[in-house]
PDB file of all heavy atoms in Angstrom:
ATOM      1  N   SER A   1       0.844  -1.181   0.000  1.00  0.00           N
ATOM      2  CA  SER A   1       0.000   0.000   0.000  1.00  0.00           C
ATOM      3  C   SER A   1       0.888   1.241   0.000  1.00  0.00           C
ATOM      4  O   SER A   1       1.891   1.316   0.716  1.00  0.00           O
ATOM      5  CB  SER A   1      -0.911   0.013   1.229  1.00  0.00           C
ATOM      6  OG  SER A   1      -0.145   0.039   2.417  1.00  0.00           O
ATOM      7  N   LEU A   2       0.525   2.215  -0.795  1.00  0.00           N
ATOM      8  CA  LEU A   2       1.372   3.391  -0.971  1.00  0.00           C
ATOM      9  C   LEU A   2       1.428   4.251   0.284  1.00  0.00           C
ATOM     10  O   LEU A   2       2.342   5.064   0.430  1.00  0.00           O
ATOM     11  CB  LEU A   2       0.878   4.208  -2.163  1.00  0.00           C
ATOM     12  CG  LEU A   2       0.936   3.493  -3.521  1.00  0.00           C
ATOM     13  CD1 LEU A   2       0.535   4.438  -4.636  1.00  0.00           C
ATOM     14  CD2 LEU A   2       2.309   2.902  -3.787  1.00  0.00           C
ATOM     15  N   ASP A   3       0.460   4.092   1.205  1.00  0.00           N
ATOM     16  CA  ASP A   3       0.492   4.918   2.408  1.00  0.00           C
ATOM     17  C   ASP A   3       1.452   4.384   3.468  1.00  0.00           C
ATOM     18  O   ASP A   3       1.462   4.861   4.594  1.00  0.00           O
ATOM     19  CB  ASP A   3      -0.916   5.098   2.993  1.00  0.00           C
ATOM     20  CG  ASP A   3      -1.521   3.804   3.487  1.00  0.00           C
ATOM     21  OD1 ASP A   3      -0.914   2.742   3.283  1.00  0.00           O
ATOM     22  OD2 ASP A   3      -2.619   3.856   4.075  1.00  0.00           O
ATOM     23  N   SER A   4       2.287   3.411   3.096  1.00  0.00           N
ATOM     24  CA  SER A   4       3.355   2.971   3.998  1.00  0.00           C
ATOM     25  C   SER A   4       4.680   3.626   3.657  1.00  0.00           C
ATOM     26  O   SER A   4       5.680   3.408   4.329  1.00  0.00           O
ATOM     27  CB  SER A   4       3.511   1.449   3.926  1.00  0.00           C
ATOM     28  OG  SER A   4       4.077   1.067   2.679  1.00  0.00           O
ATOM     29  N   VAL A   5       4.693   4.454   2.613  1.00  0.00           N
ATOM     30  CA  VAL A   5       5.938   4.951   2.028  1.00  0.00           C
ATOM     31  C   VAL A   5       6.062   6.466   2.173  1.00  0.00           C
ATOM     32  O   VAL A   5       5.150   7.214   1.809  1.00  0.00           O
ATOM     33  CB  VAL A   5       6.004   4.596   0.526  1.00  0.00           C
ATOM     34  CG1 VAL A   5       7.283   5.113  -0.093  1.00  0.00           C
ATOM     35  CG2 VAL A   5       5.885   3.096   0.324  1.00  0.00           C
ATOM     36  N   LEU A   6       7.196   6.922   2.696  1.00  0.00           N
ATOM     37  CA  LEU A   6       7.554   8.337   2.647  1.00  0.00           C
ATOM     38  C   LEU A   6       8.551   8.526   1.522  1.00  0.00           C
ATOM     39  O   LEU A   6       9.602   7.882   1.498  1.00  0.00           O
ATOM     40  CB  LEU A   6       8.183   8.791   3.973  1.00  0.00           C
ATOM     41  CG  LEU A   6       8.618  10.264   4.006  1.00  0.00           C
ATOM     42  CD1 LEU A   6       7.401  11.176   4.152  1.00  0.00           C
ATOM     43  CD2 LEU A   6       9.615  10.532   5.120  1.00  0.00           C
ATOM     44  N   CYS A   7       8.232   9.385   0.564  1.00  0.00           N
ATOM     45  CA  CYS A   7       9.145   9.700  -0.538  1.00  0.00           C
ATOM     46  C   CYS A   7      10.004  10.891  -0.150  1.00  0.00           C
ATOM     47  O   CYS A   7       9.481  11.965   0.169  1.00  0.00           O
ATOM     48  CB  CYS A   7       8.363  10.016  -1.808  1.00  0.00           C
ATOM     49  SG  CYS A   7       7.473   8.618  -2.497  1.00  0.00           S
ATOM     50  N   LEU A   8      11.313  10.711  -0.151  1.00  0.00           N
ATOM     51  CA  LEU A   8      12.256  11.778   0.173  1.00  0.00           C
ATOM     52  C   LEU A   8      13.018  12.148  -1.094  1.00  0.00           C
ATOM     53  O   LEU A   8      13.809  11.356  -1.607  1.00  0.00           O
ATOM     54  CB  LEU A   8      13.214  11.321   1.269  1.00  0.00           C
ATOM     55  CG  LEU A   8      14.396  12.244   1.601  1.00  0.00           C
ATOM     56  CD1 LEU A   8      13.919  13.637   1.972  1.00  0.00           C
ATOM     57  CD2 LEU A   8      15.231  11.651   2.728  1.00  0.00           C
ATOM     58  N   VAL A   9      12.759  13.346  -1.594  1.00  0.00           N
ATOM     59  CA  VAL A   9      13.466  13.871  -2.768  1.00  0.00           C
ATOM     60  C   VAL A   9      14.527  14.823  -2.239  1.00  0.00           C
ATOM     61  O   VAL A   9      14.211  15.898  -1.719  1.00  0.00           O
ATOM     62  CB  VAL A   9      12.502  14.582  -3.729  1.00  0.00           C
ATOM     63  CG1 VAL A   9      13.242  15.024  -4.987  1.00  0.00           C
ATOM     64  CG2 VAL A   9      11.339  13.670  -4.097  1.00  0.00           C
ATOM     65  N   SER A  10      15.781  14.430  -2.353  1.00  0.00           N
ATOM     66  CA  SER A  10      16.850  15.130  -1.641  1.00  0.00           C
ATOM     67  C   SER A  10      17.921  15.622  -2.594  1.00  0.00           C
ATOM     68  O   SER A  10      18.594  14.831  -3.267  1.00  0.00           O
ATOM     69  CB  SER A  10      17.474  14.189  -0.598  1.00  0.00           C
ATOM     70  OG  SER A  10      18.431  14.867   0.173  1.00  0.00           O
ATOM     71  N   GLY A  11      18.069  16.927  -2.652  1.00  0.00           N
ATOM     72  CA  GLY A  11      19.106  17.546  -3.466  1.00  0.00           C
ATOM     73  C   GLY A  11      19.563  18.821  -2.778  1.00  0.00           C
ATOM     74  O   GLY A  11      20.040  18.801  -1.643  1.00  0.00           O
ATOM     75  N   THR A  12      19.416  19.961  -3.443  1.00  0.00           N
ATOM     76  CA  THR A  12      19.717  21.254  -2.823  1.00  0.00           C
ATOM     77  C   THR A  12      18.902  21.421  -1.547  1.00  0.00           C
ATOM     78  O   THR A  12      19.386  21.874  -0.515  1.00  0.00           O
ATOM     79  CB  THR A  12      19.400  22.398  -3.804  1.00  0.00           C
ATOM     80  OG1 THR A  12      20.155  22.209  -4.996  1.00  0.00           O
ATOM     81  CG2 THR A  12      19.744  23.739  -3.189  1.00  0.00           C
ATOM     82  N   SER A  13      17.625  21.051  -1.632  1.00  0.00           N
ATOM     83  CA  SER A  13      16.740  21.043  -0.476  1.00  0.00           C
ATOM     84  C   SER A  13      16.143  19.646  -0.361  1.00  0.00           C
ATOM     85  O   SER A  13      16.403  18.781  -1.185  1.00  0.00           O
ATOM     86  CB  SER A  13      15.638  22.089  -0.645  1.00  0.00           C
ATOM     87  OG  SER A  13      14.853  21.811  -1.796  1.00  0.00           O
ATOM     88  N   ASN A  14      15.348  19.428   0.674  1.00  0.00           N
ATOM     89  CA  ASN A  14      14.663  18.148   0.846  1.00  0.00           C
ATOM     90  C   ASN A  14      13.163  18.339   0.722  1.00  0.00           C
ATOM     91  O   ASN A  14      12.605  19.307   1.259  1.00  0.00           O
ATOM     92  CB  ASN A  14      14.957  17.533   2.216  1.00  0.00           C
ATOM     93  CG  ASN A  14      16.274  16.796   2.254  1.00  0.00           C
ATOM     94  OD1 ASN A  14      16.884  16.538   1.219  1.00  0.00           O
ATOM     95  ND2 ASN A  14      16.731  16.445   3.444  1.00  0.00           N
ATOM     96  N   CYS A  15      12.516  17.408   0.049  1.00  0.00           N
ATOM     97  CA  CYS A  15      11.062  17.398  -0.067  1.00  0.00           C
ATOM     98  C   CYS A  15      10.562  16.037   0.393  1.00  0.00           C
ATOM     99  O   CYS A  15      11.057  15.004  -0.069  1.00  0.00           O
ATOM    100  CB  CYS A  15      10.647  17.664  -1.509  1.00  0.00           C
ATOM    101  SG  CYS A  15       8.865  17.730  -1.769  1.00  0.00           S
ATOM    102  N   HIS A  16       9.620  16.023   1.343  1.00  0.00           N
ATOM    103  CA  HIS A  16       9.067  14.791   1.885  1.00  0.00           C
ATOM    104  C   HIS A  16       7.603  14.692   1.462  1.00  0.00           C
ATOM    105  O   HIS A  16       6.805  15.574   1.792  1.00  0.00           O
ATOM    106  CB  HIS A  16       9.147  14.785   3.407  1.00  0.00           C
ATOM    107  CG  HIS A  16      10.511  15.051   3.968  1.00  0.00           C
ATOM    108  ND1 HIS A  16      11.096  16.300   3.949  1.00  0.00           N
ATOM    109  CD2 HIS A  16      11.408  14.222   4.566  1.00  0.00           C
ATOM    110  CE1 HIS A  16      12.296  16.232   4.518  1.00  0.00           C
ATOM    111  NE2 HIS A  16      12.505  14.988   4.901  1.00  0.00           N
ATOM    112  N   LEU A  17       7.238  13.620   0.765  1.00  0.00           N
ATOM    113  CA  LEU A  17       5.873  13.468   0.267  1.00  0.00           C
ATOM    114  C   LEU A  17       5.285  12.144   0.740  1.00  0.00           C
ATOM    115  O   LEU A  17       5.932  11.097   0.654  1.00  0.00           O
ATOM    116  CB  LEU A  17       5.844  13.535  -1.259  1.00  0.00           C
ATOM    117  CG  LEU A  17       6.336  14.862  -1.848  1.00  0.00           C
ATOM    118  CD1 LEU A  17       7.633  14.650  -2.604  1.00  0.00           C
ATOM    119  CD2 LEU A  17       5.298  15.501  -2.736  1.00  0.00           C
ATOM    120  N   PHE A  18       4.038  12.227   1.219  1.00  0.00           N
ATOM    121  CA  PHE A  18       3.366  11.054   1.766  1.00  0.00           C
ATOM    122  C   PHE A  18       1.966  10.978   1.191  1.00  0.00           C
ATOM    123  O   PHE A  18       1.167  11.897   1.356  1.00  0.00           O
ATOM    124  CB  PHE A  18       3.306  11.152   3.291  1.00  0.00           C
ATOM    125  CG  PHE A  18       2.622   9.997   3.947  1.00  0.00           C
ATOM    126  CD1 PHE A  18       3.284   8.795   4.109  1.00  0.00           C
ATOM    127  CD2 PHE A  18       1.320  10.114   4.398  1.00  0.00           C
ATOM    128  CE1 PHE A  18       2.646   7.713   4.719  1.00  0.00           C
ATOM    129  CE2 PHE A  18       0.677   9.044   5.003  1.00  0.00           C
ATOM    130  CZ  PHE A  18       1.344   7.836   5.163  1.00  0.00           C
ATOM    131  N   SER A  19       1.664   9.887   0.480  1.00  0.00           N
ATOM    132  CA  SER A  19       0.371   9.738  -0.189  1.00  0.00           C
ATOM    133  C   SER A  19      -0.597   8.931   0.666  1.00  0.00           C
ATOM    134  O   SER A  19      -0.194   7.993   1.368  1.00  0.00           O
ATOM    135  CB  SER A  19       0.557   9.040  -1.545  1.00  0.00           C
ATOM    136  OG  SER A  19       1.320   9.842  -2.423  1.00  0.00           O
ATOM    137  N   THR A  20      -1.871   9.300   0.580  1.00  0.00           N
ATOM    138  CA  THR A  20      -2.895   8.642   1.381  1.00  0.00           C
ATOM    139  C   THR A  20      -4.245   8.711   0.678  1.00  0.00           C
ATOM    140  O   THR A  20      -4.475   9.603  -0.143  1.00  0.00           O
ATOM    141  CB  THR A  20      -2.998   9.294   2.779  1.00  0.00           C
ATOM    142  OG1 THR A  20      -4.058   8.695   3.519  1.00  0.00           O
ATOM    143  CG2 THR A  20      -3.245  10.780   2.664  1.00  0.00           C
ATOM    144  N   ASP A  21      -5.115   7.770   1.002  1.00  0.00           N
ATOM    145  CA  ASP A  21      -6.445   7.739   0.403  1.00  0.00           C
ATOM    146  C   ASP A  21      -7.397   8.758   1.009  1.00  0.00           C
ATOM    147  O   ASP A  21      -8.457   9.026   0.463  1.00  0.00           O
ATOM    148  CB  ASP A  21      -7.073   6.342   0.563  1.00  0.00           C
ATOM    149  CG  ASP A  21      -6.379   5.311  -0.322  1.00  0.00           C
ATOM    150  OD1 ASP A  21      -5.989   5.674  -1.441  1.00  0.00           O
ATOM    151  OD2 ASP A  21      -6.224   4.161   0.121  1.00  0.00           O
ATOM    152  N   ARG A  22      -7.042   9.306   2.155  1.00  0.00           N
ATOM    153  CA  ARG A  22      -7.958  10.215   2.850  1.00  0.00           C
ATOM    154  C   ARG A  22      -7.282  11.554   3.113  1.00  0.00           C
ATOM    155  O   ARG A  22      -6.058  11.653   3.169  1.00  0.00           O
ATOM    156  CB  ARG A  22      -8.429   9.599   4.170  1.00  0.00           C
ATOM    157  CG  ARG A  22      -7.310   9.223   5.106  1.00  0.00           C
ATOM    158  CD  ARG A  22      -7.763   8.284   6.218  1.00  0.00           C
ATOM    159  NE  ARG A  22      -6.650   7.871   7.062  1.00  0.00           N
ATOM    160  CZ  ARG A  22      -6.299   8.482   8.188  1.00  0.00           C
ATOM    161  NH1 ARG A  22      -6.991   9.535   8.609  1.00  0.00           N
ATOM    162  NH2 ARG A  22      -5.285   8.043   8.909  1.00  0.00           N
ATOM    163  N   ALA A  23      -8.101  12.559   3.270  1.00  0.00           N
ATOM    164  CA  ALA A  23      -7.588  13.900   3.525  1.00  0.00           C
ATOM    165  C   ALA A  23      -7.299  14.067   5.017  1.00  0.00           C
ATOM    166  O   ALA A  23      -8.202  14.014   5.847  1.00  0.00           O
ATOM    167  CB  ALA A  23      -8.604  14.946   3.072  1.00  0.00           C
ATOM    168  N   VAL A  24      -6.024  14.242   5.346  1.00  0.00           N
ATOM    169  CA  VAL A  24      -5.608  14.459   6.730  1.00  0.00           C
ATOM    170  C   VAL A  24      -4.826  15.771   6.793  1.00  0.00           C
ATOM    171  O   VAL A  24      -3.840  15.943   6.078  1.00  0.00           O
ATOM    172  CB  VAL A  24      -4.739  13.295   7.255  1.00  0.00           C
ATOM    173  CG1 VAL A  24      -4.276  13.588   8.683  1.00  0.00           C
ATOM    174  CG2 VAL A  24      -5.512  11.987   7.204  1.00  0.00           C
ATOM    175  N   TYR A  25      -5.271  16.675   7.646  1.00  0.00           N
ATOM    176  CA  TYR A  25      -4.585  17.952   7.809  1.00  0.00           C
ATOM    177  C   TYR A  25      -3.536  17.817   8.904  1.00  0.00           C
ATOM    178  O   TYR A  25      -3.832  17.344   9.999  1.00  0.00           O
ATOM    179  CB  TYR A  25      -5.588  19.054   8.143  1.00  0.00           C
ATOM    180  CG  TYR A  25      -6.560  19.319   7.017  1.00  0.00           C
ATOM    181  CD1 TYR A  25      -7.776  18.640   6.944  1.00  0.00           C
ATOM    182  CD2 TYR A  25      -6.243  20.221   6.015  1.00  0.00           C
ATOM    183  CE1 TYR A  25      -8.662  18.870   5.898  1.00  0.00           C
ATOM    184  CE2 TYR A  25      -7.117  20.456   4.961  1.00  0.00           C
ATOM    185  CZ  TYR A  25      -8.327  19.771   4.912  1.00  0.00           C
ATOM    186  OH  TYR A  25      -9.185  20.004   3.875  1.00  0.00           O
ATOM    187  N   VAL A  26      -2.314  18.235   8.601  1.00  0.00           N
ATOM    188  CA  VAL A  26      -1.200  18.081   9.523  1.00  0.00           C
ATOM    189  C   VAL A  26      -0.588  19.445   9.768  1.00  0.00           C
ATOM    190  O   VAL A  26      -0.095  20.092   8.831  1.00  0.00           O
ATOM    191  CB  VAL A  26      -0.132  17.124   8.955  1.00  0.00           C
ATOM    192  CG1 VAL A  26       0.975  16.899   9.983  1.00  0.00           C
ATOM    193  CG2 VAL A  26      -0.757  15.794   8.542  1.00  0.00           C
ATOM    194  N   HIS A  27      -0.622  19.902  11.012  1.00  0.00           N
ATOM    195  CA  HIS A  27      -0.101  21.230  11.326  1.00  0.00           C
ATOM    196  C   HIS A  27       1.392  21.313  10.988  1.00  0.00           C
ATOM    197  O   HIS A  27       2.186  20.452  11.357  1.00  0.00           O
ATOM    198  CB  HIS A  27      -0.294  21.553  12.804  1.00  0.00           C
ATOM    199  CG  HIS A  27       0.172  22.930  13.162  1.00  0.00           C
ATOM    200  ND1 HIS A  27      -0.551  24.066  12.821  1.00  0.00           N
ATOM    201  CD2 HIS A  27       1.289  23.368  13.793  1.00  0.00           C
ATOM    202  CE1 HIS A  27       0.100  25.134  13.249  1.00  0.00           C
ATOM    203  NE2 HIS A  27       1.218  24.737  13.840  1.00  0.00           N
ATOM    204  N   GLY A  28       1.756  22.353  10.263  1.00  0.00           N
ATOM    205  CA  GLY A  28       3.148  22.565   9.894  1.00  0.00           C
ATOM    206  C   GLY A  28       3.580  21.883   8.616  1.00  0.00           C
ATOM    207  O   GLY A  28       4.683  22.118   8.137  1.00  0.00           O
ATOM    208  N   LEU A  29       2.718  21.024   8.046  1.00  0.00           N
ATOM    209  CA  LEU A  29       3.005  20.389   6.761  1.00  0.00           C
ATOM    210  C   LEU A  29       1.981  20.848   5.736  1.00  0.00           C
ATOM    211  O   LEU A  29       0.870  21.240   6.085  1.00  0.00           O
ATOM    212  CB  LEU A  29       2.976  18.859   6.877  1.00  0.00           C
ATOM    213  CG  LEU A  29       4.294  18.193   7.301  1.00  0.00           C
ATOM    214  CD1 LEU A  29       4.580  18.455   8.769  1.00  0.00           C
ATOM    215  CD2 LEU A  29       4.236  16.695   7.046  1.00  0.00           C
ATOM    216  N   TRP A  30       2.348  20.770   4.478  1.00  0.00           N
ATOM    217  CA  TRP A  30       1.442  21.185   3.412  1.00  0.00           C
ATOM    218  C   TRP A  30       0.546  20.028   3.019  1.00  0.00           C
ATOM    219  O   TRP A  30       0.928  18.875   3.076  1.00  0.00           O
ATOM    220  CB  TRP A  30       2.248  21.671   2.209  1.00  0.00           C
ATOM    221  CG  TRP A  30       3.186  22.797   2.528  1.00  0.00           C
ATOM    222  CD1 TRP A  30       3.139  23.629   3.611  1.00  0.00           C
ATOM    223  CD2 TRP A  30       4.339  23.194   1.775  1.00  0.00           C
ATOM    224  NE1 TRP A  30       4.180  24.526   3.572  1.00  0.00           N
ATOM    225  CE2 TRP A  30       4.940  24.279   2.461  1.00  0.00           C
ATOM    226  CE3 TRP A  30       4.918  22.757   0.592  1.00  0.00           C
ATOM    227  CZ2 TRP A  30       6.079  24.916   1.989  1.00  0.00           C
ATOM    228  CZ3 TRP A  30       6.057  23.391   0.121  1.00  0.00           C
ATOM    229  CH2 TRP A  30       6.631  24.468   0.819  1.00  0.00           C
ATOM    230  N   GLY A  31      -0.642  20.353   2.586  1.00  0.00           N
ATOM    231  CA  GLY A  31      -1.595  19.351   2.147  1.00  0.00           C
ATOM    232  C   GLY A  31      -2.735  19.210   3.154  1.00  0.00           C
ATOM    233  O   GLY A  31      -2.791  19.946   4.152  1.00  0.00           O
ATOM    234  N   PRO A  32      -3.637  18.289   2.882  1.00  0.00           N
ATOM    235  CA  PRO A  32      -3.614  17.315   1.797  1.00  0.00           C
ATOM    236  C   PRO A  32      -3.984  17.932   0.446  1.00  0.00           C
ATOM    237  O   PRO A  32      -4.915  18.726   0.361  1.00  0.00           O
ATOM    238  CB  PRO A  32      -4.676  16.293   2.223  1.00  0.00           C
ATOM    239  CG  PRO A  32      -5.647  17.103   3.034  1.00  0.00           C
ATOM    240  CD  PRO A  32      -4.823  18.142   3.737  1.00  0.00           C
ATOM    241  N   PHE A  33      -3.213  17.571  -0.579  1.00  0.00           N
ATOM    242  CA  PHE A  33      -3.472  18.025  -1.941  1.00  0.00           C
ATOM    243  C   PHE A  33      -3.937  16.825  -2.773  1.00  0.00           C
ATOM    244  O   PHE A  33      -3.315  15.765  -2.733  1.00  0.00           O
ATOM    245  CB  PHE A  33      -2.211  18.605  -2.572  1.00  0.00           C
ATOM    246  CG  PHE A  33      -1.616  19.752  -1.801  1.00  0.00           C
ATOM    247  CD1 PHE A  33      -0.297  19.694  -1.345  1.00  0.00           C
ATOM    248  CD2 PHE A  33      -2.351  20.888  -1.519  1.00  0.00           C
ATOM    249  CE1 PHE A  33       0.268  20.743  -0.640  1.00  0.00           C
ATOM    250  CE2 PHE A  33      -1.795  21.948  -0.811  1.00  0.00           C
ATOM    251  CZ  PHE A  33      -0.485  21.874  -0.368  1.00  0.00           C
TER     252      PHE A  33
END
């Protein structure tokens, strides 16, 4: 299931992306988009 995976795109900066079937609002993080 894709909601077990954190995608870390790491270069000049770091981007952390987490996919889920439901909309969850997380203080201090962007999304859910």
